[in-house]
C-alpha atoms as a PDB file:
ATOM      1  CA  MET A   1     126.832 104.221 239.097  1.00  0.00           C
ATOM      2  CA  ALA A   2     124.230 105.856 236.892  1.00  0.00           C
ATOM      3  CA  LYS A   3     121.770 103.665 235.026  1.00  0.00           C
ATOM      4  CA  THR A   4     120.903 105.298 231.720  1.00  0.00           C
ATOM      5  CA  THR A   5     118.640 104.143 228.909  1.00  0.00           C
ATOM      6  CA  LYS A   6     118.231 106.020 225.661  1.00  0.00           C
ATOM      7  CA  ARG A   7     115.885 105.896 222.676  1.00  0.00           C
ATOM      8  CA  SER A   8     115.882 108.058 219.597  1.00  0.00           C
ATOM      9  CA  VAL A   9     113.825 108.052 216.427  1.00  0.00           C
ATOM     10  CA  GLY A  10     115.264 109.634 213.304  1.00  0.00           C
ATOM     11  CA  ALA A  11     112.394 109.442 210.808  1.00  0.00           C
ATOM     12  CA  ALA A  12     110.557 112.643 210.002  1.00  0.00           C
ATOM     13  CA  GLY A  13     106.802 112.722 210.265  1.00  0.00           C
ATOM     14  CA  ALA A  14     103.824 113.780 212.314  1.00  0.00           C
ATOM     15  CA  ARG A  15     104.155 114.119 216.050  1.00  0.00           C
ATOM     16  CA  ARG A  16     102.213 114.841 219.172  1.00  0.00           C
ATOM     17  CA  GLY A  17     103.073 117.448 221.784  1.00  0.00           C
ATOM     18  CA  ALA A  18     105.214 117.490 224.873  1.00  0.00           C
ATOM     19  CA  SER A  19     103.053 114.978 226.733  1.00  0.00           C
ATOM     20  CA  ALA A  20     104.023 112.156 224.375  1.00  0.00           C
ATOM     21  CA  PRO A  21     106.179 113.082 221.377  1.00  0.00           C
ATOM     22  CA  THR A  22     106.710 109.887 219.396  1.00  0.00           C
ATOM     23  CA  ARG A  23     107.907 110.777 215.890  1.00  0.00           C
ATOM     24  CA  GLY A  24     110.353 113.114 214.232  1.00  0.00           C
ATOM     25  CA  ARG A  25     113.734 113.780 215.800  1.00  0.00           C
ATOM     26  CA  VAL A  26     112.943 112.518 219.281  1.00  0.00           C
ATOM     27  CA  ALA A  27     114.986 111.122 222.154  1.00  0.00           C
ATOM     28  CA  THR A  28     114.053 109.746 225.543  1.00  0.00           C
ATOM     29  CA  VAL A  29     116.700 109.469 228.248  1.00  0.00           C
ATOM     30  CA  ASN A  30     116.247 107.826 231.639  1.00  0.00           C
ATOM     31  CA  ARG A  31     118.948 108.283 234.270  1.00  0.00           C
ATOM     32  CA  LYS A  32     118.824 107.011 237.833  1.00  0.00           C
ATOM     33  CA  THR A  33     121.507 107.373 240.498  1.00  0.00           C
ATOM     34  CA  LYS A  34     121.538 107.552 244.278  1.00  0.00           C
ATOM     35  CA  GLU A  35     121.200 111.331 243.906  1.00  0.00           C
ATOM     36  CA  THR A  36     118.634 111.797 241.128  1.00  0.00           C
ATOM     37  CA  ASP A  37     116.022 109.958 239.082  1.00  0.00           C
ATOM     38  CA  ILE A  38     115.262 111.645 235.763  1.00  0.00           C
ATOM     39  CA  ARG A  39     113.098 110.784 232.765  1.00  0.00           C
ATOM     40  CA  LEU A  40     113.220 113.230 229.871  1.00  0.00           C
ATOM     41  CA  THR A  41     111.772 113.224 226.361  1.00  0.00           C
ATOM     42  CA  LEU A  42     112.757 115.849 223.793  1.00  0.00           C
ATOM     43  CA  ALA A  43     111.276 116.410 220.327  1.00  0.00           C
ATOM     44  CA  LEU A  44     113.327 118.831 218.251  1.00  0.00           C
ATOM     45  CA  ASP A  45     110.571 119.282 215.672  1.00  0.00           C
ATOM     46  CA  GLY A  46     107.955 120.430 218.122  1.00  0.00           C
ATOM     47  CA  THR A  47     105.645 123.364 218.729  1.00  0.00           C
ATOM     48  CA  GLY A  48     106.854 124.609 222.109  1.00  0.00           C
ATOM     49  CA  ARG A  49     104.813 122.388 224.415  1.00  0.00           C
ATOM     50  CA  TYR A  50     106.192 121.287 227.775  1.00  0.00           C
ATOM     51  CA  ASP A  51     105.438 119.279 230.890  1.00  0.00           C
ATOM     52  CA  VAL A  52     108.312 119.937 233.294  1.00  0.00           C
ATOM     53  CA  HIS A  53     108.583 118.898 236.936  1.00  0.00           C
ATOM     54  CA  THR A  54     112.007 118.949 238.614  1.00  0.00           C
ATOM     55  CA  GLY A  55     111.046 120.049 242.125  1.00  0.00           C
ATOM     56  CA  ILE A  56     112.899 123.344 241.522  1.00  0.00           C
ATOM     57  CA  ALA A  57     110.516 126.075 240.419  1.00  0.00           C
ATOM     58  CA  PHE A  58     113.141 128.351 238.873  1.00  0.00           C
ATOM     59  CA  LEU A  59     114.684 125.493 236.865  1.00  0.00           C
ATOM     60  CA  ASP A  60     111.203 124.513 235.654  1.00  0.00           C
ATOM     61  CA  HIS A  61     110.669 128.103 234.522  1.00  0.00           C
ATOM     62  CA  MET A  62     113.940 128.179 232.562  1.00  0.00           C
ATOM     63  CA  LEU A  63     113.249 124.815 230.881  1.00  0.00           C
ATOM     64  CA  GLU A  64     109.775 125.997 229.915  1.00  0.00           C
ATOM     65  CA  LEU A  65     111.308 129.122 228.343  1.00  0.00           C
ATOM     66  CA  LEU A  66     113.856 126.991 226.483  1.00  0.00           C
ATOM     67  CA  THR A  67     111.098 124.781 225.116  1.00  0.00           C
ATOM     68  CA  ARG A  68     108.672 127.523 224.163  1.00  0.00           C
ATOM     69  CA  HIS A  69     111.169 129.828 222.471  1.00  0.00           C
ATOM     70  CA  GLY A  70     112.998 126.978 220.717  1.00  0.00           C
ATOM     71  CA  PHE A  71     109.796 125.385 219.375  1.00  0.00           C
ATOM     72  CA  PHE A  72     110.755 122.057 220.917  1.00  0.00           C
ATOM     73  CA  ASP A  73     108.496 119.670 222.846  1.00  0.00           C
ATOM     74  CA  LEU A  74     109.810 118.598 226.238  1.00  0.00           C
ATOM     75  CA  THR A  75     108.733 116.434 229.150  1.00  0.00           C
ATOM     76  CA  VAL A  76     110.860 116.189 232.273  1.00  0.00           C
ATOM     77  CA  LYS A  77     110.112 114.248 235.433  1.00  0.00           C
ATOM     78  CA  ALA A  78     112.947 114.582 237.929  1.00  0.00           C
ATOM     79  CA  THR A  79     113.355 113.797 241.596  1.00  0.00           C
ATOM     80  CA  GLY A  80     116.539 114.460 243.525  1.00  0.00           C
ATOM     81  CA  ASP A  81     118.140 114.976 246.904  1.00  0.00           C
ATOM     82  CA  LEU A  82     116.857 118.531 247.246  1.00  0.00           C
ATOM     83  CA  HIS A  83     117.224 118.239 251.024  1.00  0.00           C
ATOM     84  CA  VAL A  84     120.996 118.343 250.406  1.00  0.00           C
ATOM     85  CA  ASP A  85     120.884 121.205 247.876  1.00  0.00           C
ATOM     86  CA  TYR A  86     119.810 121.857 244.291  1.00  0.00           C
ATOM     87  CA  HIS A  87     123.172 121.078 242.680  1.00  0.00           C
ATOM     88  CA  HIS A  88     122.770 117.382 241.845  1.00  0.00           C
ATOM     89  CA  THR A  89     119.343 117.838 240.302  1.00  0.00           C
ATOM     90  CA  VAL A  90     120.240 120.936 238.264  1.00  0.00           C
ATOM     91  CA  GLU A  91     123.456 119.424 236.913  1.00  0.00           C
ATOM     92  CA  ASP A  92     121.918 116.042 236.139  1.00  0.00           C
ATOM     93  CA  VAL A  93     118.939 117.565 234.314  1.00  0.00           C
ATOM     94  CA  GLY A  94     121.447 119.485 232.178  1.00  0.00           C
ATOM     95  CA  LEU A  95     123.351 116.272 231.545  1.00  0.00           C
ATOM     96  CA  VAL A  96     120.238 114.340 230.525  1.00  0.00           C
ATOM     97  CA  LEU A  97     118.980 117.160 228.301  1.00  0.00           C
ATOM     98  CA  GLY A  98     122.367 117.254 226.585  1.00  0.00           C
ATOM     99  CA  GLN A  99     122.191 113.508 225.968  1.00  0.00           C
ATOM    100  CA  ALA A 100     118.720 113.895 224.517  1.00  0.00           C
ATOM    101  CA  ILE A 101     119.854 116.660 222.152  1.00  0.00           C
ATOM    102  CA  ARG A 102     122.738 114.494 220.928  1.00  0.00           C
ATOM    103  CA  GLU A 103     120.504 111.442 220.432  1.00  0.00           C
ATOM    104  CA  ALA A 104     117.734 113.381 218.703  1.00  0.00           C
ATOM    105  CA  LEU A 105     120.188 114.983 216.265  1.00  0.00           C
ATOM    106  CA  GLY A 106     121.542 111.585 215.231  1.00  0.00           C
ATOM    107  CA  GLU A 107     124.261 111.922 212.569  1.00  0.00           C
ATOM    108  CA  LYS A 108     123.274 115.622 212.063  1.00  0.00           C
ATOM    109  CA  ALA A 109     122.815 115.200 208.318  1.00  0.00           C
ATOM    110  CA  GLY A 110     121.221 118.263 206.771  1.00  0.00           C
ATOM    111  CA  ILE A 111     121.276 120.533 209.813  1.00  0.00           C
ATOM    112  CA  ARG A 112     122.512 124.122 209.646  1.00  0.00           C
ATOM    113  CA  ARG A 113     124.895 123.446 212.574  1.00  0.00           C
ATOM    114  CA  PHE A 114     125.382 127.092 213.634  1.00  0.00           C
ATOM    115  CA  GLY A 115     122.923 129.297 215.489  1.00  0.00           C
ATOM    116  CA  GLU A 116     123.128 132.731 217.100  1.00  0.00           C
ATOM    117  CA  ALA A 117     120.679 134.878 219.042  1.00  0.00           C
ATOM    118  CA  THR A 118     120.971 138.126 220.960  1.00  0.00           C
ATOM    119  CA  VAL A 119     118.006 138.469 223.303  1.00  0.00           C
ATOM    120  CA  PRO A 120     116.942 141.420 225.454  1.00  0.00           C
ATOM    121  CA  LEU A 121     114.854 141.429 228.614  1.00  0.00           C
ATOM    122  CA  ASP A 122     114.408 144.972 229.889  1.00  0.00           C
ATOM    123  CA  GLU A 123     117.920 146.139 230.842  1.00  0.00           C
ATOM    124  CA  ALA A 124     119.531 142.736 230.166  1.00  0.00           C
ATOM    125  CA  LEU A 125     121.027 141.807 226.797  1.00  0.00           C
ATOM    126  CA  VAL A 126     122.643 138.390 226.275  1.00  0.00           C
ATOM    127  CA  GLN A 127     124.312 136.948 223.179  1.00  0.00           C
ATOM    128  CA  THR A 128     124.286 133.180 222.689  1.00  0.00           C
ATOM    129  CA  VAL A 129     126.136 131.317 219.908  1.00  0.00           C
ATOM    130  CA  VAL A 130     125.885 127.577 219.231  1.00  0.00           C
ATOM    131  CA  ASP A 131     127.920 125.233 217.028  1.00  0.00           C
ATOM    132  CA  LEU A 132     126.679 121.645 216.958  1.00  0.00           C
ATOM    133  CA  SER A 133     130.173 120.539 216.054  1.00  0.00           C
ATOM    134  CA  GLY A 134     130.426 117.378 218.141  1.00  0.00           C
ATOM    135  CA  ARG A 135     133.256 119.007 220.116  1.00  0.00           C
ATOM    136  CA  PRO A 136     132.214 120.320 223.533  1.00  0.00           C
ATOM    137  CA  PHE A 137     133.514 123.758 224.470  1.00  0.00           C
ATOM    138  CA  PHE A 138     131.887 126.282 226.798  1.00  0.00           C
ATOM    139  CA  VAL A 139     132.553 129.990 227.224  1.00  0.00           C
ATOM    140  CA  TYR A 140     130.421 131.731 229.861  1.00  0.00           C
ATOM    141  CA  ASP A 141     131.066 135.452 230.079  1.00  0.00           C
ATOM    142  CA  VAL A 142     128.233 136.346 232.439  1.00  0.00           C
ATOM    143  CA  ALA A 143     128.874 138.389 235.571  1.00  0.00           C
ATOM    144  CA  ILE A 144     126.035 138.371 238.101  1.00  0.00           C
ATOM    145  CA  SER A 145     126.868 139.919 241.450  1.00  0.00           C
ATOM    146  CA  GLN A 146     123.897 138.450 243.316  1.00  0.00           C
ATOM    147  CA  GLN A 147     124.308 134.895 244.571  1.00  0.00           C
ATOM    148  CA  LYS A 148     120.621 133.971 244.720  1.00  0.00           C
ATOM    149  CA  ILE A 149     117.443 134.253 242.690  1.00  0.00           C
ATOM    150  CA  GLY A 150     114.960 133.478 245.427  1.00  0.00           C
ATOM    151  CA  GLN A 151     116.237 130.158 246.807  1.00  0.00           C
ATOM    152  CA  PHE A 152     118.135 129.300 243.624  1.00  0.00           C
ATOM    153  CA  ASP A 153     121.943 129.573 243.516  1.00  0.00           C
ATOM    154  CA  VAL A 154     122.887 131.636 240.460  1.00  0.00           C
ATOM    155  CA  GLU A 155     126.146 129.716 239.968  1.00  0.00           C
ATOM    156  CA  LEU A 156     124.113 126.598 239.131  1.00  0.00           C
ATOM    157  CA  ILE A 157     123.264 128.088 235.738  1.00  0.00           C
ATOM    158  CA  HIS A 158     126.907 127.650 234.746  1.00  0.00           C
ATOM    159  CA  ASP A 159     126.877 124.055 236.009  1.00  0.00           C
ATOM    160  CA  PHE A 160     123.669 123.252 234.126  1.00  0.00           C
ATOM    161  CA  LEU A 161     124.978 124.662 230.849  1.00  0.00           C
ATOM    162  CA  LEU A 162     128.372 122.988 231.214  1.00  0.00           C
ATOM    163  CA  ALA A 163     126.750 119.581 231.733  1.00  0.00           C
ATOM    164  CA  LEU A 164     124.489 120.190 228.729  1.00  0.00           C
ATOM    165  CA  VAL A 165     127.406 121.238 226.506  1.00  0.00           C
ATOM    166  CA  ASN A 166     129.561 118.249 227.435  1.00  0.00           C
ATOM    167  CA  GLN A 167     126.816 115.707 226.781  1.00  0.00           C
ATOM    168  CA  ALA A 168     125.383 117.328 223.652  1.00  0.00           C
ATOM    169  CA  GLY A 169     128.841 117.786 222.124  1.00  0.00           C
ATOM    170  CA  MET A 170     128.275 121.418 221.273  1.00  0.00           C
ATOM    171  CA  ASN A 171     130.290 124.609 221.290  1.00  0.00           C
ATOM    172  CA  LEU A 172     128.412 127.227 223.315  1.00  0.00           C
ATOM    173  CA  HIS A 173     129.366 130.842 223.912  1.00  0.00           C
ATOM    174  CA  VAL A 174     127.248 132.979 226.243  1.00  0.00           C
ATOM    175  CA  ARG A 175     128.120 136.650 226.670  1.00  0.00           C
ATOM    176  CA  MET A 176     126.244 139.185 228.773  1.00  0.00           C
ATOM    177  CA  LEU A 177     126.281 142.517 226.961  1.00  0.00           C
ATOM    178  CA  SER A 178     124.340 144.356 229.658  1.00  0.00           C
ATOM    179  CA  GLY A 179     122.241 143.578 232.702  1.00  0.00           C
ATOM    180  CA  ARG A 180     121.471 144.298 236.329  1.00  0.00           C
ATOM    181  CA  ASN A 181     118.609 142.033 237.431  1.00  0.00           C
ATOM    182  CA  PRO A 182     119.796 138.397 237.764  1.00  0.00           C
ATOM    183  CA  HIS A 183     116.424 136.937 236.794  1.00  0.00           C
ATOM    184  CA  HIS A 184     116.388 139.026 233.612  1.00  0.00           C
ATOM    185  CA  ILE A 185     119.952 137.994 232.736  1.00  0.00           C
ATOM    186  CA  VAL A 186     119.349 134.266 233.199  1.00  0.00           C
ATOM    187  CA  GLU A 187     116.014 134.401 231.395  1.00  0.00           C
ATOM    188  CA  ALA A 188     117.609 136.168 228.423  1.00  0.00           C
ATOM    189  CA  THR A 189     120.305 133.465 228.447  1.00  0.00           C
ATOM    190  CA  PHE A 190     117.794 130.628 228.172  1.00  0.00           C
ATOM    191  CA  LYS A 191     115.695 132.397 225.550  1.00  0.00           C
ATOM    192  CA  GLY A 192     118.839 133.053 223.525  1.00  0.00           C
ATOM    193  CA  LEU A 193     119.944 129.446 223.864  1.00  0.00           C
ATOM    194  CA  ALA A 194     116.511 128.345 222.693  1.00  0.00           C
ATOM    195  CA  ARG A 195     116.633 130.510 219.583  1.00  0.00           C
ATOM    196  CA  ALA A 196     120.236 129.572 218.774  1.00  0.00           C
ATOM    197  CA  LEU A 197     119.539 125.840 219.174  1.00  0.00           C
ATOM    198  CA  ASP A 198     116.434 126.128 217.035  1.00  0.00           C
ATOM    199  CA  LEU A 199     118.430 127.737 214.213  1.00  0.00           C
ATOM    200  CA  ALA A 200     121.355 125.323 214.501  1.00  0.00           C
ATOM    201  CA  SER A 201     119.165 122.215 214.489  1.00  0.00           C
ATOM    202  CA  GLN A 202     116.972 123.277 211.556  1.00  0.00           C
ATOM    203  CA  ARG A 203     117.347 121.406 208.294  1.00  0.00           C
ATOM    204  CA  GLU A 204     118.877 123.181 205.313  1.00  0.00           C
ATOM    205  CA  SER A 205     117.247 122.117 202.035  1.00  0.00           C
ATOM    206  CA  ARG A 206     120.381 122.932 200.001  1.00  0.00           C
ATOM    207  CA  LEU A 207     122.613 120.700 202.115  1.00  0.00           C
ATOM    208  CA  VAL A 208     123.491 117.090 201.373  1.00  0.00           C
ATOM    209  CA  GLY A 209     125.136 115.248 204.267  1.00  0.00           C
ATOM    210  CA  VAL A 210     126.687 117.227 207.109  1.00  0.00           C
ATOM    211  CA  LEU A 211     127.945 120.812 207.066  1.00  0.00           C
ATOM    212  CA  SER A 212     131.640 119.974 207.383  1.00  0.00           C
ATOM    213  CA  THR A 213     134.501 119.447 204.972  1.00  0.00           C
ATOM    214  CA  LYS A 214     135.528 116.516 207.181  1.00  0.00           C
ATOM    215  CA  GLY A 215     132.299 114.736 206.357  1.00  0.00           C
ATOM    216  CA  THR A 216     131.344 114.253 210.004  1.00  0.00           C
ATOM    217  CA  LEU A 217     130.109 116.216 213.011  1.00  0.00           C
ATOM    218  CA  ALA A 218     130.995 113.469 215.455  1.00  0.00           C
ATOM    219  CA  GLY A 219     133.763 115.450 217.098  1.00  0.00           C
END
């Protein structure tokens, strides 16, 4: 049974960087199971600072890209049963990050809700579209023939994103338009997700309440 504690602060204001973000739209999630122990703090209104340690170098790299290109602040301290494989840690970090996004967004009043980015990296081109609708749905149209990036299983990217989508309550479409190198494809995916999330979570000055005729983005 997972033990999870959450904290979010909704008031706007000054903030510090990834080492200790304390104000603005911020959430801290702690999750401990027999497989993983994760503490994560996310500030949506950040500057792109990060302090990420999961024990998986490639996952650290992708989370750093997500933070930097999304102008978030992020700290992650994760330990897991890496002697078994990377799956539990990768999936659970995605889960906790999704929870933090949901908590930091709060009732989503004033946010633009939708975000889209098409990002190139050399031969790779990946389109990412986000709707912070409160209804989780994931479409992953990415075909990578290689099974590994170094020691990292490529299929774990899907598992990470699926866990994030389900916990954040977002609609996420990822489509690879071109690509050959798996590292380039995955990196373009995370940069695109960063840019799309940044756009979707930004406040719209013309908007009162939430961007929905239903009056809620709770699902």
